[in-house]
Amino acid sequence: MFLDYFALGVLAFVVVTLFYAVIAIHDIPHLIAKARNHPHQDAIHVAGWVSLFTLHAIWPFLFIWATLYREDRGWGIRQDGKLSAEAEANAEIARLHARIAELEAQTPEKETA
C-alpha cells in the first residue's frame, strides 16, 4: 500500500515538474528579448503563451524573432550598409548647420538695454 502512494506521489511530482519545465522553456525567447532590450519584448512574451496553446508551432519563430535584434546594431547585420536616405538626410543637416552659421555671422549683434 505504501508503494502505491509513493508511486502516485512520484507521478504527481513528475507531472508538475514537466508542466513548469514546458512553461520555463517557452519563456526563453522572452528572456533573450529582455537581455537584448528588444523593442517587441511584450509581444514576444504574449506570443510565447499563445505558443503553448498552438502546440508549440510558433515557438521556433519566436526564438528567431528574439535573437534577430541587437541593441548595438538594431535589425541590420552591418553598420556600413546604411540607407542612402539616411546619408542624404545627414548631408542636408550638415548643409543647414553651415547655412545657419553663415547667417549668424552676417547678422549684426543687437545691443540690449
N, C-alpha and C. Protein backbone atom coordinates (compact mmCIF):
# COMPACT_ATOMS: atom_id res chain seq x y z
N MET A 1 0.81 -1.19 0.00
CA MET A 1 0.00 0.00 0.00
C MET A 1 0.86 1.26 0.00
N PHE A 2 1.98 1.22 0.74
CA PHE A 2 2.87 2.38 0.78
C PHE A 2 3.44 2.68 -0.60
N LEU A 3 3.81 1.62 -1.34
CA LEU A 3 4.39 1.81 -2.66
C LEU A 3 3.39 2.43 -3.63
N ASP A 4 2.10 2.12 -3.46
CA ASP A 4 1.08 2.73 -4.32
C ASP A 4 1.04 4.24 -4.12
N TYR A 5 1.04 4.67 -2.87
CA TYR A 5 1.02 6.10 -2.59
C TYR A 5 2.33 6.78 -2.98
N PHE A 6 3.42 6.07 -2.78
CA PHE A 6 4.72 6.61 -3.19
C PHE A 6 4.77 6.80 -4.71
N ALA A 7 4.29 5.81 -5.46
CA ALA A 7 4.26 5.90 -6.92
C ALA A 7 3.34 7.04 -7.36
N LEU A 8 2.21 7.21 -6.68
CA LEU A 8 1.30 8.31 -7.00
C LEU A 8 1.97 9.66 -6.73
N GLY A 9 2.70 9.75 -5.64
CA GLY A 9 3.43 10.99 -5.33
C GLY A 9 4.51 11.29 -6.36
N VAL A 10 5.26 10.25 -6.77
CA VAL A 10 6.29 10.44 -7.80
C VAL A 10 5.65 10.86 -9.11
N LEU A 11 4.53 10.25 -9.47
CA LEU A 11 3.82 10.60 -10.70
C LEU A 11 3.34 12.05 -10.66
N ALA A 12 2.79 12.48 -9.54
CA ALA A 12 2.34 13.86 -9.41
C ALA A 12 3.52 14.82 -9.50
N PHE A 13 4.63 14.46 -8.87
CA PHE A 13 5.83 15.30 -8.93
C PHE A 13 6.34 15.43 -10.37
N VAL A 14 6.37 14.34 -11.10
CA VAL A 14 6.84 14.36 -12.49
C VAL A 14 5.92 15.21 -13.36
N VAL A 15 4.61 15.08 -13.17
CA VAL A 15 3.65 15.86 -13.97
C VAL A 15 3.82 17.35 -13.69
N VAL A 16 3.91 17.72 -12.42
CA VAL A 16 4.07 19.14 -12.07
C VAL A 16 5.40 19.67 -12.59
N THR A 17 6.47 18.89 -12.47
CA THR A 17 7.78 19.31 -12.96
C THR A 17 7.77 19.50 -14.46
N LEU A 18 7.18 18.58 -15.20
CA LEU A 18 7.08 18.72 -16.66
C LEU A 18 6.24 19.94 -17.04
N PHE A 19 5.17 20.18 -16.32
CA PHE A 19 4.31 21.33 -16.60
C PHE A 19 5.10 22.63 -16.48
N TYR A 20 5.82 22.79 -15.37
CA TYR A 20 6.61 24.00 -15.17
C TYR A 20 7.80 24.07 -16.10
N ALA A 21 8.38 22.93 -16.47
CA ALA A 21 9.50 22.93 -17.41
C ALA A 21 9.07 23.41 -18.78
N VAL A 22 7.90 22.99 -19.24
CA VAL A 22 7.40 23.44 -20.54
C VAL A 22 7.17 24.95 -20.52
N ILE A 23 6.62 25.46 -19.44
CA ILE A 23 6.39 26.91 -19.33
C ILE A 23 7.73 27.65 -19.30
N ALA A 24 8.70 27.13 -18.57
CA ALA A 24 10.00 27.78 -18.48
C ALA A 24 10.72 27.77 -19.83
N ILE A 25 10.60 26.68 -20.56
CA ILE A 25 11.23 26.60 -21.88
C ILE A 25 10.60 27.59 -22.84
N HIS A 26 9.29 27.77 -22.76
CA HIS A 26 8.63 28.70 -23.66
C HIS A 26 8.87 30.16 -23.28
N ASP A 27 9.48 30.40 -22.15
CA ASP A 27 9.80 31.76 -21.74
C ASP A 27 11.21 32.17 -22.18
N ILE A 28 11.96 31.25 -22.76
CA ILE A 28 13.33 31.55 -23.19
C ILE A 28 13.38 32.69 -24.21
N PRO A 29 12.53 32.71 -25.26
CA PRO A 29 12.60 33.84 -26.20
C PRO A 29 12.36 35.19 -25.51
N HIS A 30 11.46 35.22 -24.54
CA HIS A 30 11.21 36.47 -23.83
C HIS A 30 12.43 36.89 -23.02
N LEU A 31 13.11 35.95 -22.40
CA LEU A 31 14.31 36.27 -21.63
C LEU A 31 15.42 36.78 -22.55
N ILE A 32 15.53 36.18 -23.74
CA ILE A 32 16.51 36.66 -24.71
C ILE A 32 16.17 38.08 -25.14
N ALA A 33 14.88 38.33 -25.40
CA ALA A 33 14.44 39.66 -25.83
C ALA A 33 14.71 40.70 -24.74
N LYS A 34 14.49 40.34 -23.48
CA LYS A 34 14.77 41.27 -22.39
C LYS A 34 16.26 41.56 -22.29
N ALA A 35 17.08 40.54 -22.45
CA ALA A 35 18.52 40.73 -22.35
C ALA A 35 19.05 41.61 -23.48
N ARG A 36 18.42 41.54 -24.64
CA ARG A 36 18.87 42.34 -25.79
C ARG A 36 18.14 43.67 -25.89
N ASN A 37 17.28 43.98 -24.92
CA ASN A 37 16.49 45.22 -24.93
C ASN A 37 15.69 45.33 -26.22
N HIS A 38 15.04 44.25 -26.58
CA HIS A 38 14.25 44.15 -27.81
C HIS A 38 13.04 45.07 -27.73
N PRO A 39 12.71 45.78 -28.82
CA PRO A 39 11.55 46.68 -28.77
C PRO A 39 10.21 45.95 -28.71
N HIS A 40 10.19 44.66 -29.01
CA HIS A 40 8.94 43.89 -29.02
C HIS A 40 8.90 42.86 -27.89
N GLN A 41 9.46 43.19 -26.75
CA GLN A 41 9.53 42.23 -25.64
C GLN A 41 8.16 41.71 -25.23
N ASP A 42 7.21 42.61 -25.09
CA ASP A 42 5.88 42.20 -24.63
C ASP A 42 5.19 41.31 -25.66
N ALA A 43 5.35 41.63 -26.93
CA ALA A 43 4.73 40.81 -27.97
C ALA A 43 5.34 39.41 -27.99
N ILE A 44 6.63 39.32 -27.79
CA ILE A 44 7.29 38.01 -27.77
C ILE A 44 6.82 37.22 -26.55
N HIS A 45 6.63 37.89 -25.43
CA HIS A 45 6.16 37.20 -24.22
C HIS A 45 4.75 36.65 -24.42
N VAL A 46 3.87 37.48 -24.96
CA VAL A 46 2.49 37.03 -25.20
C VAL A 46 2.47 35.91 -26.23
N ALA A 47 3.27 36.05 -27.28
CA ALA A 47 3.31 35.00 -28.30
C ALA A 47 3.84 33.69 -27.74
N GLY A 48 4.71 33.77 -26.74
CA GLY A 48 5.17 32.54 -26.08
C GLY A 48 4.04 31.82 -25.38
N TRP A 49 3.14 32.57 -24.74
CA TRP A 49 1.98 31.96 -24.11
C TRP A 49 1.01 31.41 -25.15
N VAL A 50 0.85 32.14 -26.25
CA VAL A 50 -0.01 31.64 -27.33
C VAL A 50 0.57 30.36 -27.91
N SER A 51 1.88 30.29 -27.97
CA SER A 51 2.54 29.09 -28.50
C SER A 51 2.23 27.85 -27.66
N LEU A 52 1.99 28.04 -26.38
CA LEU A 52 1.61 26.89 -25.55
C LEU A 52 0.28 26.30 -26.01
N PHE A 53 -0.61 27.16 -26.48
CA PHE A 53 -1.93 26.70 -26.90
C PHE A 53 -1.99 26.29 -28.36
N THR A 54 -0.95 26.61 -29.13
CA THR A 54 -0.92 26.21 -30.54
C THR A 54 0.02 25.02 -30.73
N LEU A 55 0.18 24.24 -29.71
CA LEU A 55 1.03 23.05 -29.74
C LEU A 55 2.46 23.39 -30.15
N HIS A 56 2.94 24.52 -29.69
CA HIS A 56 4.34 24.93 -29.84
C HIS A 56 4.74 25.17 -31.29
N ALA A 57 3.78 25.43 -32.16
CA ALA A 57 4.08 25.59 -33.58
C ALA A 57 4.87 26.87 -33.86
N ILE A 58 4.61 27.94 -33.11
CA ILE A 58 5.28 29.20 -33.42
C ILE A 58 6.50 29.46 -32.54
N TRP A 59 6.81 28.55 -31.64
CA TRP A 59 7.93 28.78 -30.73
C TRP A 59 9.26 28.96 -31.45
N PRO A 60 9.59 28.16 -32.47
CA PRO A 60 10.87 28.39 -33.17
C PRO A 60 10.95 29.78 -33.81
N PHE A 61 9.82 30.28 -34.30
CA PHE A 61 9.81 31.61 -34.90
C PHE A 61 10.01 32.69 -33.83
N LEU A 62 9.50 32.45 -32.64
CA LEU A 62 9.72 33.39 -31.54
C LEU A 62 11.20 33.45 -31.17
N PHE A 63 11.83 32.29 -31.19
CA PHE A 63 13.26 32.24 -30.87
C PHE A 63 14.05 33.05 -31.90
N ILE A 64 13.72 32.89 -33.18
CA ILE A 64 14.39 33.65 -34.24
C ILE A 64 14.10 35.14 -34.08
N TRP A 65 12.84 35.47 -33.83
CA TRP A 65 12.43 36.87 -33.69
C TRP A 65 13.18 37.55 -32.54
N ALA A 66 13.34 36.83 -31.45
CA ALA A 66 14.01 37.41 -30.28
C ALA A 66 15.50 37.59 -30.51
N THR A 67 16.11 36.71 -31.30
CA THR A 67 17.56 36.79 -31.49
C THR A 67 17.97 37.69 -32.65
N LEU A 68 17.04 38.11 -33.49
CA LEU A 68 17.42 38.95 -34.63
C LEU A 68 17.85 40.35 -34.22
N TYR A 69 17.26 40.88 -33.17
CA TYR A 69 17.53 42.26 -32.78
C TYR A 69 18.68 42.33 -31.79
N ARG A 70 19.58 43.28 -32.03
CA ARG A 70 20.62 43.59 -31.05
C ARG A 70 20.64 45.09 -30.86
N GLU A 71 20.81 45.52 -29.62
CA GLU A 71 20.72 46.94 -29.30
C GLU A 71 21.79 47.76 -30.00
N ASP A 72 22.98 47.20 -30.17
CA ASP A 72 24.07 47.98 -30.76
C ASP A 72 23.93 48.16 -32.26
N ARG A 73 23.26 47.24 -32.97
CA ARG A 73 23.15 47.38 -34.42
C ARG A 73 21.73 47.35 -34.93
N GLY A 74 20.75 47.18 -34.03
CA GLY A 74 19.35 47.16 -34.47
C GLY A 74 19.02 45.86 -35.19
N TRP A 75 18.30 45.99 -36.29
CA TRP A 75 17.88 44.81 -37.04
C TRP A 75 18.90 44.41 -38.09
N GLY A 76 19.76 45.34 -38.50
CA GLY A 76 20.71 45.06 -39.58
C GLY A 76 21.89 44.26 -39.10
N ILE A 77 22.64 43.78 -40.06
CA ILE A 77 23.80 42.97 -39.73
C ILE A 77 25.07 43.80 -39.83
N ARG A 78 25.14 44.70 -40.82
CA ARG A 78 26.33 45.52 -40.99
C ARG A 78 26.00 46.98 -40.76
N GLN A 79 26.93 47.68 -40.18
CA GLN A 79 26.72 49.10 -39.91
C GLN A 79 27.03 49.94 -41.14
N ASP A 80 27.91 49.46 -42.04
CA ASP A 80 28.30 50.26 -43.19
C ASP A 80 27.23 50.27 -44.28
N GLY A 81 26.25 49.43 -44.21
CA GLY A 81 25.20 49.37 -45.22
C GLY A 81 24.03 50.28 -44.91
N LYS A 82 24.31 51.53 -44.53
CA LYS A 82 23.23 52.45 -44.18
C LYS A 82 22.42 52.80 -45.42
N LEU A 83 21.21 53.18 -45.19
CA LEU A 83 20.34 53.57 -46.28
C LEU A 83 20.81 54.88 -46.89
N SER A 84 20.60 55.02 -48.18
CA SER A 84 21.02 56.26 -48.85
C SER A 84 20.20 57.44 -48.35
N ALA A 85 18.95 57.21 -47.98
CA ALA A 85 18.12 58.30 -47.47
C ALA A 85 18.71 58.86 -46.17
N GLU A 86 19.26 58.00 -45.35
CA GLU A 86 19.88 58.46 -44.10
C GLU A 86 21.13 59.28 -44.41
N ALA A 87 21.91 58.85 -45.38
CA ALA A 87 23.11 59.60 -45.76
C ALA A 87 22.72 60.96 -46.34
N GLU A 88 21.67 60.98 -47.16
CA GLU A 88 21.21 62.25 -47.72
C GLU A 88 20.70 63.19 -46.63
N ALA A 89 19.98 62.65 -45.68
CA ALA A 89 19.47 63.46 -44.58
C ALA A 89 20.62 64.04 -43.75
N ASN A 90 21.64 63.25 -43.50
CA ASN A 90 22.80 63.75 -42.75
C ASN A 90 23.52 64.85 -43.52
N ALA A 91 23.62 64.70 -44.84
CA ALA A 91 24.26 65.74 -45.66
C ALA A 91 23.43 67.02 -45.64
N GLU A 92 22.11 66.89 -45.71
CA GLU A 92 21.23 68.06 -45.66
C GLU A 92 21.34 68.77 -44.32
N ILE A 93 21.41 68.02 -43.25
CA ILE A 93 21.57 68.62 -41.92
C ILE A 93 22.89 69.37 -41.83
N ALA A 94 23.95 68.80 -42.38
CA ALA A 94 25.25 69.48 -42.36
C ALA A 94 25.19 70.78 -43.16
N ARG A 95 24.51 70.76 -44.32
CA ARG A 95 24.36 71.98 -45.11
C ARG A 95 23.56 73.03 -44.35
N LEU A 96 22.51 72.61 -43.67
CA LEU A 96 21.70 73.56 -42.91
C LEU A 96 22.48 74.16 -41.75
N HIS A 97 23.30 73.36 -41.08
CA HIS A 97 24.14 73.88 -40.00
C HIS A 97 25.12 74.92 -40.54
N ALA A 98 25.70 74.64 -41.70
CA ALA A 98 26.64 75.59 -42.30
C ALA A 98 25.91 76.88 -42.68
N ARG A 99 24.72 76.76 -43.22
CA ARG A 99 23.94 77.94 -43.61
C ARG A 99 23.56 78.78 -42.38
N ILE A 100 23.17 78.13 -41.30
CA ILE A 100 22.83 78.86 -40.07
C ILE A 100 24.05 79.60 -39.54
N ALA A 101 25.21 78.94 -39.56
CA ALA A 101 26.43 79.60 -39.09
C ALA A 101 26.76 80.80 -39.96
N GLU A 102 26.55 80.67 -41.27
CA GLU A 102 26.81 81.78 -42.20
C GLU A 102 25.87 82.95 -41.92
N LEU A 103 24.59 82.66 -41.72
CA LEU A 103 23.62 83.71 -41.44
C LEU A 103 23.88 84.39 -40.10
N GLU A 104 24.29 83.62 -39.11
CA GLU A 104 24.61 84.20 -37.81
C GLU A 104 25.82 85.12 -37.90
N ALA A 105 26.76 84.77 -38.77
CA ALA A 105 27.94 85.62 -38.94
C ALA A 105 27.58 86.92 -39.64
N GLN A 106 26.59 86.91 -40.51
CA GLN A 106 26.18 88.11 -41.25
C GLN A 106 25.30 89.03 -40.41
N THR A 107 24.58 88.50 -39.46
CA THR A 107 23.64 89.29 -38.67
C THR A 107 24.39 90.14 -37.66
N PRO A 108 24.14 91.47 -37.67
CA PRO A 108 24.80 92.30 -36.66
C PRO A 108 24.19 92.03 -35.29
N GLU A 109 25.02 92.10 -34.30
CA GLU A 109 24.53 91.85 -32.94
C GLU A 109 23.76 93.07 -32.45
N LYS A 110 22.63 92.82 -31.84
CA LYS A 110 21.81 93.90 -31.29
C LYS A 110 22.23 94.16 -29.85
N GLU A 111 22.22 95.44 -29.50
CA GLU A 111 22.53 95.79 -28.12
C GLU A 111 21.24 95.78 -27.33
N THR A 112 21.24 95.11 -26.24
CA THR A 112 20.06 95.07 -25.38
C THR A 112 20.27 96.00 -24.21
N ALA A 113 19.23 96.76 -23.89
CA ALA A 113 19.34 97.74 -22.81
C ALA A 113 18.87 97.17 -21.51
